[in-house]
Amino acid sequence: MAQPEGTADGVLADIRVADFSRVLAGPYATMLLADFGADVVKVEPPSGDDTRHWHPPVGPDGQATYFGSVNRNKRSVALDLNDPADLAEAHRLAATADVLVENFRPGVMERFGLGYAQVRAGNPGVVYCSITGFGAGRGAGLAGYDLLVQAVGGLMSITGEPDGGPTKAGVALVDVLTGQNAVAGILLGLRRRDATGEGSLVELNLLHGLLSALTNQAGATLGTGRAPGRMGNAHPSIAPYAVFRAADRQLVVAVGNDRQFRTLARLLGAPGLADDARFATNADRVAHRELLHAELERALGRATAAEWVGTLTDAGVPAGLVNDVAEAIAFARELGLDPVVELGGVCSIANPIRLAAAPPGYRTPPPRLDADRGADWRDAAAPDSRADPVDDGHAARADRTDHAPEGTDR
């Protein structure tokens, strides 16, 4: 298990991030930055980030595990942007930040004097990252929820069994991809500032991020004029590259070339498959994938999935068990990848980016709401304590209809 680091050192230790984002894409991005030392102040409404209320499940700290999964290494201040004093504090943070991240509906930050042009006027070096669902033009009024984007963005149309209905991914994948894109965009903006002294507006939207992530499927659509359909666990261009059932459970076999297929056929005790004209080349195997699948599954049924994974892996044929999430974490641990970090009794998945000379650091667990009220930036002797949540009596917040969290499946 990755051990917490006790200092704020990191390659981004001099970067101040005013995090006005909620739910997943923005908070995920700012957490990744915080892991490398960035000083992230999470600005929340008095009721807190929506995901604080998305439970069960609840972790050992009594907080929603959803919120905890993307908010370590941050400090929390609760500000009601309709309150003049709180709005003034939000302006102060924006005016002194290196990076500002927000995912309100287009126009909301401008209404509070916190839009890019308004912040840049007093903070010309700011890297301002704006995340929307469908851009700031004709899609500005559309709510950016992950499930919705998976549907209208085409991902659900290619996910699921051929004879079943459209299916979403098992995680809010579009939000996560957008968060990763946000990290890249912010770092590009900071690099430009290093070179020119000028900040940047970084704009991302969930729909475009998903279309980019469709890669080969989008390329095939553009190249042929035909939209692909659902193929279950099969691959449109490679075979065998699918899920198979062994004697006890399922495994994946992912053959990428003819050499691997010949090895697979030999190990299965069916070397003739590699010489069969229907399976001799990848193109042949793709054309006869259903027949090939039946032949392979018949052979794989003679031993357990774990036995086959061991045999195939040792011979250089890519194969693996179909794990559940707990098994996947355990597998990563077996490989020595140190995938889990524990902070204050709360476990989360460690930052996936590893810099050998400057690894990520883990300092503080996800903050309680408003635990850092009045906090200044870290190098300004900000208070370090994590107090209990403060009820400041503010009942109002920016109208909920003005908020456009990326959203995930509720």
Protein backbone atom coordinates (compact mmCIF):
# COMPACT_ATOMS: atom_id res chain seq x y z
CA MET A 1 0.00 0.00 0.00
CA ALA A 2 1.35 3.40 -0.93
CA GLN A 3 2.38 5.29 2.17
CA PRO A 4 1.39 8.92 2.83
CA GLU A 5 4.03 11.55 2.31
CA GLY A 6 4.42 14.04 5.11
CA THR A 7 5.41 17.09 3.08
CA ALA A 8 3.87 19.27 0.41
CA ASP A 9 6.90 18.91 -1.87
CA GLY A 10 6.25 17.93 -5.47
CA VAL A 11 6.79 19.12 -8.99
CA LEU A 12 3.67 21.30 -8.66
CA ALA A 13 4.34 22.53 -5.12
CA ASP A 14 4.41 26.16 -6.27
CA ILE A 15 1.05 25.92 -8.07
CA ARG A 16 -2.11 27.28 -6.45
CA VAL A 17 -5.40 25.80 -7.69
CA ALA A 18 -8.80 27.36 -6.99
CA ASP A 19 -11.12 24.42 -7.55
CA PHE A 20 -14.71 25.52 -8.21
CA SER A 21 -15.63 22.16 -9.79
CA ARG A 22 -17.99 19.50 -8.50
CA VAL A 23 -18.81 15.84 -8.94
CA LEU A 24 -16.16 13.97 -10.96
CA ALA A 25 -14.23 15.32 -13.96
CA GLY A 26 -12.98 18.52 -12.34
CA PRO A 27 -12.34 17.07 -8.86
CA TYR A 28 -10.53 14.08 -10.38
CA ALA A 29 -8.25 16.44 -12.32
CA THR A 30 -7.49 18.64 -9.32
CA MET A 31 -6.78 15.61 -7.14
CA LEU A 32 -4.21 14.35 -9.63
CA LEU A 33 -2.58 17.80 -9.54
CA ALA A 34 -2.71 17.87 -5.73
CA ASP A 35 -0.95 14.51 -5.57
CA PHE A 36 2.05 16.18 -7.21
CA GLY A 37 2.09 18.99 -4.68
CA ALA A 38 -0.34 21.58 -6.04
CA ASP A 39 -2.11 23.56 -3.32
CA VAL A 40 -5.78 22.90 -4.07
CA VAL A 41 -8.51 24.87 -2.28
CA LYS A 42 -11.86 23.27 -3.02
CA VAL A 43 -14.61 25.90 -3.13
CA GLU A 44 -17.96 24.29 -2.29
CA PRO A 45 -21.47 25.64 -1.82
CA PRO A 46 -22.75 25.57 1.78
CA SER A 47 -24.49 22.25 1.07
CA GLY A 48 -21.27 20.77 -0.22
CA ASP A 49 -20.23 19.01 -3.42
CA ASP A 50 -23.14 16.91 -4.67
CA THR A 51 -21.13 13.71 -4.25
CA ARG A 52 -20.92 14.24 -0.48
CA HIS A 53 -24.57 13.17 -0.51
CA TRP A 54 -24.21 10.24 -2.92
CA HIS A 55 -24.32 7.33 -0.49
CA PRO A 56 -24.32 4.54 0.35
CA PRO A 57 -21.61 3.38 0.39
CA VAL A 58 -19.93 5.29 3.21
CA GLY A 59 -16.29 4.95 4.22
CA PRO A 60 -14.71 4.56 7.68
CA ASP A 61 -14.67 8.36 8.03
CA GLY A 62 -18.44 8.55 7.61
CA GLN A 63 -18.17 10.30 4.24
CA ALA A 64 -19.48 9.09 0.91
CA THR A 65 -16.86 6.91 -0.76
CA TYR A 66 -17.72 8.58 -4.08
CA PHE A 67 -16.60 11.96 -2.73
CA GLY A 68 -13.58 10.41 -1.07
CA SER A 69 -12.37 8.79 -4.28
CA VAL A 70 -11.50 12.12 -5.95
CA ASN A 71 -10.85 14.67 -3.20
CA ARG A 72 -7.76 13.76 -1.17
CA ASN A 73 -4.94 16.28 -0.66
CA LYS A 74 -7.36 19.25 -0.80
CA ARG A 75 -8.72 21.83 1.62
CA SER A 76 -12.39 22.79 1.68
CA VAL A 77 -14.01 26.19 2.04
CA ALA A 78 -17.77 26.63 1.75
CA LEU A 79 -18.76 29.82 -0.04
CA ASP A 80 -22.22 31.02 -0.98
CA LEU A 81 -21.62 32.99 -4.15
CA ASN A 82 -24.87 34.90 -3.54
CA ASP A 83 -23.41 36.27 -0.29
CA PRO A 84 -21.26 39.41 -0.85
CA ALA A 85 -18.63 38.47 1.74
CA ASP A 86 -18.29 34.92 0.42
CA LEU A 87 -18.20 36.16 -3.16
CA ALA A 88 -15.40 38.54 -2.22
CA GLU A 89 -13.44 35.60 -0.82
CA ALA A 90 -14.04 33.65 -4.04
CA HIS A 91 -12.70 36.63 -5.99
CA ARG A 92 -9.61 36.76 -3.78
CA LEU A 93 -8.85 33.11 -4.40
CA ALA A 94 -9.37 33.51 -8.16
CA ALA A 95 -7.17 36.61 -8.27
CA THR A 96 -4.26 34.84 -6.56
CA ALA A 97 -4.51 31.38 -8.14
CA ASP A 98 -2.24 29.95 -10.79
CA VAL A 99 -5.04 27.65 -11.96
CA LEU A 100 -8.82 27.94 -11.71
CA VAL A 101 -11.04 24.97 -12.54
CA GLU A 102 -14.81 25.28 -12.95
CA ASN A 103 -17.69 23.31 -14.42
CA PHE A 104 -20.71 25.57 -14.01
CA ARG A 105 -23.13 26.04 -16.85
CA PRO A 106 -21.77 28.56 -19.38
CA GLY A 107 -22.43 32.10 -18.19
CA VAL A 108 -22.72 31.37 -14.47
CA MET A 109 -19.14 32.23 -13.55
CA GLU A 110 -19.46 35.47 -15.56
CA ARG A 111 -22.57 36.37 -13.59
CA PHE A 112 -20.50 36.23 -10.42
CA GLY A 113 -17.60 38.16 -11.93
CA LEU A 114 -15.52 34.99 -12.09
CA GLY A 115 -15.46 34.34 -15.84
CA TYR A 116 -12.16 33.96 -17.66
CA ALA A 117 -11.98 37.51 -19.00
CA GLN A 118 -12.92 38.93 -15.62
CA VAL A 119 -10.36 36.88 -13.69
CA ARG A 120 -7.67 37.42 -16.32
CA ALA A 121 -8.06 41.20 -16.06
CA GLY A 122 -6.55 41.10 -12.59
CA ASN A 123 -4.63 37.83 -12.91
CA PRO A 124 -3.16 37.70 -16.43
CA GLY A 125 -1.12 34.57 -15.73
CA VAL A 126 -4.08 32.43 -14.70
CA VAL A 127 -4.63 29.09 -16.42
CA TYR A 128 -8.42 28.92 -16.43
CA CYS A 129 -9.91 25.47 -17.09
CA SER A 130 -13.59 25.43 -18.02
CA ILE A 131 -15.39 22.08 -18.32
CA THR A 132 -18.83 21.91 -19.93
CA GLY A 133 -21.05 19.14 -21.15
CA PHE A 134 -21.54 20.32 -24.71
CA GLY A 135 -19.55 23.51 -25.13
CA ALA A 136 -20.45 27.16 -24.65
CA GLY A 137 -22.32 27.59 -27.95
CA ARG A 138 -25.57 25.95 -29.00
CA GLY A 139 -25.06 23.18 -26.45
CA ALA A 140 -24.64 25.56 -23.53
CA GLY A 141 -28.10 24.85 -22.14
CA LEU A 142 -27.71 21.07 -22.11
CA ALA A 143 -26.99 19.35 -18.80
CA GLY A 144 -23.68 17.50 -18.89
CA TYR A 145 -24.37 14.17 -17.20
CA ASP A 146 -22.11 11.26 -18.03
CA LEU A 147 -24.93 8.83 -18.87
CA LEU A 148 -26.45 11.39 -21.22
CA VAL A 149 -23.13 11.98 -22.98
CA GLN A 150 -22.48 8.25 -23.31
CA ALA A 151 -25.85 8.02 -25.05
CA VAL A 152 -25.70 10.98 -27.43
CA GLY A 153 -21.94 10.55 -27.97
CA GLY A 154 -22.28 7.08 -29.47
CA LEU A 155 -20.54 5.03 -26.77
CA MET A 156 -23.69 3.19 -25.72
CA SER A 157 -24.43 2.26 -29.34
CA ILE A 158 -21.24 0.18 -29.51
CA THR A 159 -21.40 -1.23 -25.96
CA GLY A 160 -23.38 -4.36 -25.15
CA GLU A 161 -24.35 -7.61 -26.83
CA PRO A 162 -25.41 -7.55 -30.50
CA ASP A 163 -28.91 -8.79 -29.64
CA GLY A 164 -29.23 -6.61 -26.54
CA GLY A 165 -29.83 -2.96 -25.93
CA PRO A 166 -27.39 -0.06 -25.74
CA THR A 167 -25.31 -0.27 -22.56
CA LYS A 168 -23.35 2.28 -20.56
CA ALA A 169 -19.85 1.67 -19.30
CA GLY A 170 -19.66 0.46 -15.70
CA VAL A 171 -18.06 3.71 -14.52
CA ALA A 172 -18.57 7.36 -15.47
CA LEU A 173 -15.94 6.91 -18.12
CA VAL A 174 -16.53 10.19 -19.97
CA ASP A 175 -16.05 12.19 -16.78
CA VAL A 176 -12.81 10.37 -16.01
CA LEU A 177 -11.47 10.87 -19.54
CA THR A 178 -12.37 14.54 -19.35
CA GLY A 179 -10.56 14.85 -16.04
CA GLN A 180 -7.45 13.39 -17.61
CA ASN A 181 -7.79 15.77 -20.55
CA ALA A 182 -8.12 18.62 -18.05
CA VAL A 183 -4.83 17.68 -16.40
CA ALA A 184 -3.11 17.66 -19.80
CA GLY A 185 -4.67 20.98 -20.79
CA ILE A 186 -3.74 22.64 -17.50
CA LEU A 187 -0.13 21.45 -17.74
CA LEU A 188 0.05 22.71 -21.32
CA GLY A 189 -1.27 26.07 -20.14
CA LEU A 190 1.32 26.22 -17.37
CA ARG A 191 4.08 25.33 -19.83
CA ARG A 192 2.94 28.16 -22.10
CA ARG A 193 2.95 30.52 -19.13
CA ASP A 194 6.51 29.46 -18.31
CA ALA A 195 7.52 30.40 -21.84
CA THR A 196 5.49 33.58 -22.35
CA GLY A 197 4.29 34.75 -18.95
CA GLU A 198 0.71 34.63 -20.21
CA GLY A 199 -2.09 32.47 -18.92
CA SER A 200 -4.53 30.48 -21.02
CA LEU A 201 -8.17 29.51 -21.29
CA VAL A 202 -8.42 25.72 -21.36
CA GLU A 203 -11.81 24.61 -22.67
CA LEU A 204 -13.07 21.04 -22.55
CA ASN A 205 -16.46 19.51 -23.14
CA LEU A 206 -17.59 15.98 -22.41
CA LEU A 207 -18.99 15.29 -25.88
CA HIS A 208 -15.83 16.16 -27.78
CA GLY A 209 -13.75 14.29 -25.23
CA LEU A 210 -15.81 11.16 -25.81
CA LEU A 211 -15.65 11.46 -29.59
CA SER A 212 -11.86 11.69 -29.35
CA ALA A 213 -11.80 8.62 -27.10
CA LEU A 214 -13.77 6.60 -29.67
CA THR A 215 -10.49 6.51 -31.68
CA ASN A 216 -10.68 3.53 -34.07
CA GLN A 217 -14.48 3.37 -33.94
CA ALA A 218 -14.79 7.03 -34.91
CA GLY A 219 -12.07 6.54 -37.52
CA ALA A 220 -13.94 3.63 -39.06
CA THR A 221 -17.12 5.67 -39.19
CA LEU A 222 -15.41 8.60 -40.88
CA GLY A 223 -13.48 6.36 -43.25
CA THR A 224 -16.35 4.16 -44.39
CA GLY A 225 -19.44 6.25 -43.78
CA ARG A 226 -20.94 3.39 -41.75
CA ALA A 227 -21.47 3.53 -38.00
CA PRO A 228 -20.36 0.38 -36.13
CA GLY A 229 -22.75 -1.56 -33.95
CA ARG A 230 -22.57 -3.57 -30.75
CA MET A 231 -20.31 -6.61 -30.79
CA GLY A 232 -20.37 -7.65 -27.14
CA ASN A 233 -16.82 -8.50 -26.08
CA ALA A 234 -15.55 -9.06 -29.63
CA HIS A 235 -13.17 -6.71 -31.45
CA PRO A 236 -14.10 -5.33 -34.88
CA SER A 237 -10.62 -5.90 -36.33
CA ILE A 238 -8.95 -8.72 -34.37
CA ALA A 239 -9.80 -12.36 -33.55
CA PRO A 240 -9.63 -14.18 -31.23
CA TYR A 241 -9.86 -11.17 -28.94
CA ALA A 242 -12.76 -11.87 -26.61
CA VAL A 243 -14.11 -13.43 -23.43
CA PHE A 244 -14.22 -17.23 -23.27
CA ARG A 245 -15.56 -19.67 -20.70
CA ALA A 246 -13.21 -22.25 -19.23
CA ALA A 247 -14.19 -25.13 -16.95
CA ASP A 248 -14.95 -22.88 -13.97
CA ARG A 249 -15.08 -19.21 -14.96
CA GLN A 250 -14.38 -16.76 -17.74
CA LEU A 251 -11.09 -15.51 -19.08
CA VAL A 252 -9.95 -13.19 -21.84
CA VAL A 253 -7.72 -14.30 -24.69
CA ALA A 254 -6.30 -11.41 -26.72
CA VAL A 255 -4.43 -12.66 -29.75
CA GLY A 256 -2.81 -9.87 -31.74
CA ASN A 257 -0.98 -11.71 -34.53
CA ASP A 258 -0.69 -14.99 -36.42
CA ARG A 259 2.30 -16.18 -34.38
CA GLN A 260 0.35 -15.89 -31.14
CA PHE A 261 -2.55 -17.75 -32.72
CA ARG A 262 -0.36 -20.66 -33.75
CA THR A 263 0.97 -20.87 -30.20
CA LEU A 264 -2.58 -20.74 -28.81
CA ALA A 265 -3.75 -23.53 -31.12
CA ARG A 266 -0.79 -25.73 -30.13
CA LEU A 267 -1.32 -25.19 -26.39
CA LEU A 268 -5.02 -25.98 -26.73
CA GLY A 269 -4.14 -29.28 -28.33
CA ALA A 270 -5.63 -28.21 -31.65
CA PRO A 271 -2.65 -27.23 -33.87
CA GLY A 272 -4.74 -27.87 -36.96
CA LEU A 273 -6.72 -24.71 -36.29
CA ALA A 274 -3.74 -22.62 -37.34
CA ASP A 275 -3.59 -24.43 -40.68
CA ASP A 276 -7.32 -24.26 -41.32
CA ALA A 277 -7.92 -21.86 -44.22
CA ARG A 278 -10.75 -20.27 -42.28
CA PHE A 279 -8.36 -19.25 -39.46
CA ALA A 280 -4.96 -18.94 -41.14
CA THR A 281 -4.76 -15.14 -41.02
CA ASN A 282 -6.30 -12.51 -38.83
CA ALA A 283 -8.63 -11.42 -41.65
CA ASP A 284 -9.78 -15.05 -42.00
CA ARG A 285 -10.36 -15.34 -38.27
CA VAL A 286 -12.36 -12.10 -38.17
CA ALA A 287 -14.53 -13.38 -41.04
CA HIS A 288 -15.20 -16.65 -39.19
CA ARG A 289 -15.08 -15.36 -35.62
CA GLU A 290 -18.20 -17.16 -34.38
CA LEU A 291 -17.04 -20.56 -35.60
CA LEU A 292 -13.58 -19.95 -34.17
CA HIS A 293 -15.03 -18.85 -30.84
CA ALA A 294 -16.95 -22.12 -30.52
CA GLU A 295 -13.84 -24.19 -31.33
CA LEU A 296 -11.70 -22.34 -28.80
CA GLU A 297 -14.30 -22.44 -26.03
CA ARG A 298 -14.69 -26.19 -26.52
CA ALA A 299 -10.95 -26.65 -25.97
CA LEU A 300 -10.74 -24.17 -23.08
CA GLY A 301 -13.47 -26.08 -21.24
CA ARG A 302 -11.00 -28.87 -20.46
CA ALA A 303 -9.22 -26.90 -17.69
CA THR A 304 -9.80 -24.07 -15.25
CA ALA A 305 -9.40 -20.46 -16.26
CA ALA A 306 -6.45 -19.96 -13.91
CA GLU A 307 -4.66 -22.97 -15.39
CA TRP A 308 -5.12 -21.63 -18.90
CA VAL A 309 -4.00 -18.14 -17.92
CA GLY A 310 -0.80 -19.57 -16.48
CA THR A 311 -0.11 -21.76 -19.50
CA LEU A 312 -0.89 -19.11 -22.10
CA THR A 313 0.88 -16.28 -20.32
CA ASP A 314 4.04 -18.35 -19.90
CA ALA A 315 4.02 -18.97 -23.65
CA GLY A 316 3.51 -15.31 -24.57
CA VAL A 317 -0.18 -15.48 -25.44
CA PRO A 318 -2.02 -12.58 -23.75
CA ALA A 319 -4.64 -13.95 -21.38
CA GLY A 320 -6.21 -13.01 -18.06
CA LEU A 321 -9.06 -13.76 -15.71
CA VAL A 322 -12.23 -11.66 -15.82
CA ASN A 323 -11.80 -10.14 -12.36
CA ASP A 324 -14.23 -8.23 -10.24
CA VAL A 325 -13.00 -4.90 -8.82
CA ALA A 326 -11.68 -6.43 -5.59
CA GLU A 327 -9.80 -9.09 -7.54
CA ALA A 328 -8.41 -6.43 -9.89
CA ILE A 329 -6.98 -4.44 -6.95
CA ALA A 330 -5.52 -7.63 -5.48
CA PHE A 331 -3.96 -8.51 -8.84
CA ALA A 332 -2.31 -5.10 -9.07
CA ARG A 333 -0.94 -5.64 -5.58
CA GLU A 334 0.43 -9.04 -6.59
CA LEU A 335 2.29 -7.35 -9.42
CA GLY A 336 3.85 -4.87 -6.99
CA LEU A 337 2.09 -1.86 -8.50
CA ASP A 338 1.18 -0.44 -5.07
CA PRO A 339 -2.28 0.68 -6.26
CA VAL A 340 -3.84 1.77 -2.95
CA VAL A 341 -3.07 4.66 -0.60
CA GLU A 342 -4.48 5.00 2.91
CA LEU A 343 -4.98 8.38 4.58
CA GLY A 344 -6.65 8.71 7.94
CA GLY A 345 -8.16 5.25 7.63
CA VAL A 346 -9.60 6.04 4.19
CA CYS A 347 -8.30 4.06 1.21
CA SER A 348 -8.27 5.29 -2.38
CA ILE A 349 -6.55 4.34 -5.60
CA ALA A 350 -3.10 5.90 -5.88
CA ASN A 351 -2.24 8.36 -8.63
CA PRO A 352 -1.64 6.37 -11.85
CA ILE A 353 1.14 8.73 -12.97
CA ARG A 354 4.55 7.88 -11.55
CA LEU A 355 7.57 10.15 -11.95
CA ALA A 356 10.67 8.29 -10.83
CA ALA A 357 12.46 11.43 -9.69
CA ALA A 358 9.40 13.15 -8.20
CA PRO A 359 6.70 10.67 -7.19
CA PRO A 360 3.21 11.76 -6.13
CA GLY A 361 2.67 12.48 -2.45
CA TYR A 362 -0.28 11.70 -0.21
CA ARG A 363 -0.77 14.13 2.65
CA THR A 364 -4.35 14.58 3.78
CA PRO A 365 -7.61 12.62 3.51
CA PRO A 366 -10.66 14.08 1.77
CA PRO A 367 -11.67 17.23 3.70
CA ARG A 368 -14.76 17.76 5.74
CA LEU A 369 -17.03 20.44 4.33
CA ASP A 370 -15.69 23.92 5.15
CA ALA A 371 -12.95 22.44 7.34
CA ASP A 372 -10.55 25.14 6.15
CA ARG A 373 -12.73 28.23 6.32
CA GLY A 374 -10.62 31.35 5.91
CA ALA A 375 -7.67 29.38 4.60
CA ASP A 376 -5.01 31.22 2.66
CA TRP A 377 -2.61 29.64 0.23
CA ARG A 378 -0.11 27.24 1.72
CA ASP A 379 2.92 29.52 1.52
CA ALA A 380 0.95 32.26 3.28
CA ALA A 381 0.88 30.34 6.55
CA ALA A 382 -2.55 28.88 5.92
CA PRO A 383 -4.10 27.06 8.88
CA ASP A 384 -3.33 23.38 8.69
CA SER A 385 -6.01 22.03 10.97
CA ARG A 386 -8.98 20.02 9.83
CA ALA A 387 -11.85 21.30 11.94
CA ASP A 388 -15.33 19.91 12.03
CA PRO A 389 -17.65 21.28 9.34
CA VAL A 390 -18.77 24.83 10.03
CA ASP A 391 -22.42 25.74 9.69
CA ASP A 392 -22.24 29.37 8.69
CA GLY A 393 -25.98 29.75 8.47
CA HIS A 394 -26.03 30.34 4.73
CA ALA A 395 -29.10 28.62 3.40
CA ALA A 396 -28.86 29.96 -0.12
CA ARG A 397 -26.52 29.00 -2.90
CA ALA A 398 -26.29 29.73 -6.58
CA ASP A 399 -29.50 28.42 -8.12
CA ARG A 400 -29.16 24.66 -8.63
CA THR A 401 -30.32 25.07 -12.21
CA ASP A 402 -27.19 27.16 -12.75
CA HIS A 403 -25.00 24.20 -11.94
CA ALA A 404 -24.04 21.69 -14.58
CA PRO A 405 -22.01 18.95 -12.90
CA GLU A 406 -20.69 16.38 -15.30
CA GLY A 407 -22.91 14.02 -13.42
CA THR A 408 -22.79 10.29 -13.19
CA ASP A 409 -25.39 7.63 -12.87
CA ARG A 410 -27.49 8.21 -9.79
